[in-house]
Amino acid sequence: MLEFKFVKCYDVIMKKLNLKNVVWREGKYYVAQCLNVEVSSFGKTKKEALENLDEALELYLEDKKTPKLTHIEQPEIVSSSFRYA
Protein backbone atom coordinates (compact mmCIF):
# COMPACT_ATOMS: atom_id res chain seq x y z
CA MET A 1 0.00 0.00 0.00
CA LEU A 2 1.34 3.43 -0.98
CA GLU A 3 1.21 6.31 1.47
CA PHE A 4 1.47 9.93 0.46
CA LYS A 5 2.55 12.74 2.71
CA PHE A 6 1.33 16.20 1.80
CA VAL A 7 3.23 19.29 2.81
CA LYS A 8 1.25 22.48 3.15
CA CYS A 9 2.80 25.12 0.93
CA TYR A 10 1.80 27.96 3.23
CA ASP A 11 3.92 26.45 6.03
CA VAL A 12 7.07 27.04 3.99
CA ILE A 13 8.56 30.50 4.22
CA MET A 14 10.21 31.46 0.96
CA LYS A 15 12.74 34.27 0.85
CA LYS A 16 13.34 36.37 -2.23
CA LEU A 17 16.75 37.78 -3.09
CA ASN A 18 17.37 40.32 -5.82
CA LEU A 19 20.90 39.68 -7.04
CA LYS A 20 23.03 41.54 -9.58
CA ASN A 21 24.82 39.41 -12.16
CA VAL A 22 27.22 40.14 -15.00
CA VAL A 23 27.92 38.07 -18.08
CA TRP A 24 30.73 38.33 -20.62
CA ARG A 25 32.32 36.31 -23.38
CA GLU A 26 35.65 34.66 -22.60
CA GLY A 27 37.02 32.67 -25.54
CA LYS A 28 34.31 30.34 -26.81
CA TYR A 29 32.29 30.46 -23.57
CA TYR A 30 30.21 32.99 -21.68
CA VAL A 31 30.95 33.58 -18.01
CA ALA A 32 28.21 34.67 -15.59
CA GLN A 33 29.12 36.00 -12.16
CA CYS A 34 27.00 37.15 -9.25
CA LEU A 35 28.24 40.42 -7.78
CA ASN A 36 26.54 39.89 -4.40
CA VAL A 37 28.23 36.59 -3.54
CA GLU A 38 31.34 34.89 -4.91
CA VAL A 39 29.58 32.48 -7.26
CA SER A 40 30.07 32.16 -11.01
CA SER A 41 29.41 29.71 -13.82
CA PHE A 42 29.73 29.46 -17.60
CA GLY A 43 28.01 28.17 -20.73
CA LYS A 44 28.15 28.11 -24.51
CA THR A 45 25.55 30.91 -24.72
CA LYS A 46 24.60 33.84 -22.48
CA LYS A 47 21.32 32.12 -21.66
CA GLU A 48 23.07 28.88 -20.71
CA ALA A 49 25.65 30.71 -18.59
CA LEU A 50 22.89 32.54 -16.68
CA GLU A 51 20.86 29.35 -16.22
CA ASN A 52 23.97 27.60 -14.89
CA LEU A 53 24.60 30.56 -12.58
CA ASP A 54 21.04 30.30 -11.24
CA GLU A 55 21.63 26.62 -10.48
CA ALA A 56 24.97 27.38 -8.80
CA LEU A 57 23.33 30.12 -6.70
CA GLU A 58 20.53 27.78 -5.64
CA LEU A 59 23.09 25.24 -4.48
CA TYR A 60 25.16 27.91 -2.72
CA LEU A 61 22.17 29.38 -0.91
CA GLU A 62 20.45 26.04 -0.21
CA ASP A 63 21.72 25.59 3.34
CA LYS A 64 22.34 29.21 4.28
CA LYS A 65 19.67 30.67 6.55
CA THR A 66 21.13 34.17 6.37
CA PRO A 67 23.54 34.45 3.45
CA LYS A 68 26.19 37.14 3.61
CA LEU A 69 25.49 39.40 0.64
CA THR A 70 27.37 42.39 -0.68
CA HIS A 71 24.89 45.17 -1.41
CA ILE A 72 25.23 46.33 -5.02
CA GLU A 73 23.27 49.43 -6.01
CA GLN A 74 24.25 50.48 -9.54
CA PRO A 75 27.18 48.51 -10.95
CA GLU A 76 29.21 50.26 -13.62
CA ILE A 77 31.98 48.96 -15.85
CA VAL A 78 34.97 51.28 -15.67
CA SER A 79 38.17 50.82 -17.66
CA SER A 80 41.58 51.31 -16.14
CA SER A 81 45.09 50.94 -17.46
CA PHE A 82 48.39 50.44 -15.69
CA ARG A 83 51.93 49.36 -16.41
CA TYR A 84 53.50 46.25 -15.03
CA ALA A 85 56.79 44.41 -15.42
C-alpha atoms as a PDB file:
ATOM      1  CA  MET A   1       0.000   0.000   0.000  1.00  0.00           C
ATOM      2  CA  LEU A   2       1.341   3.432  -0.985  1.00  0.00           C
ATOM      3  CA  GLU A   3       1.212   6.306   1.465  1.00  0.00           C
ATOM      4  CA  PHE A   4       1.466   9.935   0.456  1.00  0.00           C
ATOM      5  CA  LYS A   5       2.551  12.739   2.707  1.00  0.00           C
ATOM      6  CA  PHE A   6       1.330  16.203   1.804  1.00  0.00           C
ATOM      7  CA  VAL A   7       3.228  19.293   2.813  1.00  0.00           C
ATOM      8  CA  LYS A   8       1.252  22.476   3.145  1.00  0.00           C
ATOM      9  CA  CYS A   9       2.800  25.118   0.931  1.00  0.00           C
ATOM     10  CA  TYR A  10       1.796  27.957   3.227  1.00  0.00           C
ATOM     11  CA  ASP A  11       3.921  26.454   6.033  1.00  0.00           C
ATOM     12  CA  VAL A  12       7.066  27.043   3.994  1.00  0.00           C
ATOM     13  CA  ILE A  13       8.558  30.499   4.223  1.00  0.00           C
ATOM     14  CA  MET A  14      10.210  31.463   0.961  1.00  0.00           C
ATOM     15  CA  LYS A  15      12.744  34.268   0.847  1.00  0.00           C
ATOM     16  CA  LYS A  16      13.336  36.372  -2.229  1.00  0.00           C
ATOM     17  CA  LEU A  17      16.745  37.785  -3.090  1.00  0.00           C
ATOM     18  CA  ASN A  18      17.369  40.324  -5.824  1.00  0.00           C
ATOM     19  CA  LEU A  19      20.901  39.684  -7.044  1.00  0.00           C
ATOM     20  CA  LYS A  20      23.030  41.544  -9.576  1.00  0.00           C
ATOM     21  CA  ASN A  21      24.816  39.405 -12.159  1.00  0.00           C
ATOM     22  CA  VAL A  22      27.218  40.141 -14.998  1.00  0.00           C
ATOM     23  CA  VAL A  23      27.922  38.068 -18.078  1.00  0.00           C
ATOM     24  CA  TRP A  24      30.726  38.331 -20.619  1.00  0.00           C
ATOM     25  CA  ARG A  25      32.318  36.311 -23.383  1.00  0.00           C
ATOM     26  CA  GLU A  26      35.646  34.659 -22.604  1.00  0.00           C
ATOM     27  CA  GLY A  27      37.017  32.669 -25.537  1.00  0.00           C
ATOM     28  CA  LYS A  28      34.308  30.336 -26.814  1.00  0.00           C
ATOM     29  CA  TYR A  29      32.287  30.459 -23.569  1.00  0.00           C
ATOM     30  CA  TYR A  30      30.212  32.995 -21.679  1.00  0.00           C
ATOM     31  CA  VAL A  31      30.948  33.576 -18.015  1.00  0.00           C
ATOM     32  CA  ALA A  32      28.213  34.670 -15.591  1.00  0.00           C
ATOM     33  CA  GLN A  33      29.115  36.004 -12.162  1.00  0.00           C
ATOM     34  CA  CYS A  34      26.998  37.147  -9.251  1.00  0.00           C
ATOM     35  CA  LEU A  35      28.242  40.425  -7.780  1.00  0.00           C
ATOM     36  CA  ASN A  36      26.536  39.894  -4.400  1.00  0.00           C
ATOM     37  CA  VAL A  37      28.235  36.585  -3.541  1.00  0.00           C
ATOM     38  CA  GLU A  38      31.335  34.892  -4.910  1.00  0.00           C
ATOM     39  CA  VAL A  39      29.577  32.483  -7.261  1.00  0.00           C
ATOM     40  CA  SER A  40      30.072  32.160 -11.009  1.00  0.00           C
ATOM     41  CA  SER A  41      29.405  29.708 -13.822  1.00  0.00           C
ATOM     42  CA  PHE A  42      29.727  29.456 -17.603  1.00  0.00           C
ATOM     43  CA  GLY A  43      28.008  28.167 -20.728  1.00  0.00           C
ATOM     44  CA  LYS A  44      28.152  28.112 -24.507  1.00  0.00           C
ATOM     45  CA  THR A  45      25.550  30.909 -24.721  1.00  0.00           C
ATOM     46  CA  LYS A  46      24.601  33.841 -22.477  1.00  0.00           C
ATOM     47  CA  LYS A  47      21.320  32.121 -21.661  1.00  0.00           C
ATOM     48  CA  GLU A  48      23.073  28.877 -20.712  1.00  0.00           C
ATOM     49  CA  ALA A  49      25.649  30.713 -18.593  1.00  0.00           C
ATOM     50  CA  LEU A  50      22.893  32.544 -16.683  1.00  0.00           C
ATOM     51  CA  GLU A  51      20.862  29.350 -16.224  1.00  0.00           C
ATOM     52  CA  ASN A  52      23.972  27.602 -14.892  1.00  0.00           C
ATOM     53  CA  LEU A  53      24.604  30.558 -12.580  1.00  0.00           C
ATOM     54  CA  ASP A  54      21.039  30.297 -11.237  1.00  0.00           C
ATOM     55  CA  GLU A  55      21.627  26.621 -10.476  1.00  0.00           C
ATOM     56  CA  ALA A  56      24.969  27.378  -8.797  1.00  0.00           C
ATOM     57  CA  LEU A  57      23.334  30.124  -6.704  1.00  0.00           C
ATOM     58  CA  GLU A  58      20.530  27.778  -5.643  1.00  0.00           C
ATOM     59  CA  LEU A  59      23.092  25.235  -4.479  1.00  0.00           C
ATOM     60  CA  TYR A  60      25.164  27.907  -2.722  1.00  0.00           C
ATOM     61  CA  LEU A  61      22.166  29.384  -0.906  1.00  0.00           C
ATOM     62  CA  GLU A  62      20.455  26.042  -0.208  1.00  0.00           C
ATOM     63  CA  ASP A  63      21.722  25.590   3.343  1.00  0.00           C
ATOM     64  CA  LYS A  64      22.335  29.210   4.275  1.00  0.00           C
ATOM     65  CA  LYS A  65      19.675  30.670   6.548  1.00  0.00           C
ATOM     66  CA  THR A  66      21.129  34.174   6.365  1.00  0.00           C
ATOM     67  CA  PRO A  67      23.542  34.450   3.452  1.00  0.00           C
ATOM     68  CA  LYS A  68      26.191  37.144   3.606  1.00  0.00           C
ATOM     69  CA  LEU A  69      25.493  39.404   0.639  1.00  0.00           C
ATOM     70  CA  THR A  70      27.372  42.395  -0.678  1.00  0.00           C
ATOM     71  CA  HIS A  71      24.888  45.168  -1.408  1.00  0.00           C
ATOM     72  CA  ILE A  72      25.230  46.331  -5.023  1.00  0.00           C
ATOM     73  CA  GLU A  73      23.267  49.430  -6.009  1.00  0.00           C
ATOM     74  CA  GLN A  74      24.246  50.478  -9.544  1.00  0.00           C
ATOM     75  CA  PRO A  75      27.182  48.506 -10.952  1.00  0.00           C
ATOM     76  CA  GLU A  76      29.210  50.264 -13.624  1.00  0.00           C
ATOM     77  CA  ILE A  77      31.983  48.964 -15.851  1.00  0.00           C
ATOM     78  CA  VAL A  78      34.970  51.278 -15.667  1.00  0.00           C
ATOM     79  CA  SER A  79      38.171  50.824 -17.658  1.00  0.00           C
ATOM     80  CA  SER A  80      41.582  51.309 -16.140  1.00  0.00           C
ATOM     81  CA  SER A  81      45.091  50.940 -17.463  1.00  0.00           C
ATOM     82  CA  PHE A  82      48.389  50.438 -15.694  1.00  0.00           C
ATOM     83  CA  ARG A  83      51.926  49.362 -16.407  1.00  0.00           C
ATOM     84  CA  TYR A  84      53.497  46.252 -15.035  1.00  0.00           C
ATOM     85  CA  ALA A  85      56.794  44.406 -15.417  1.00  0.00           C
END
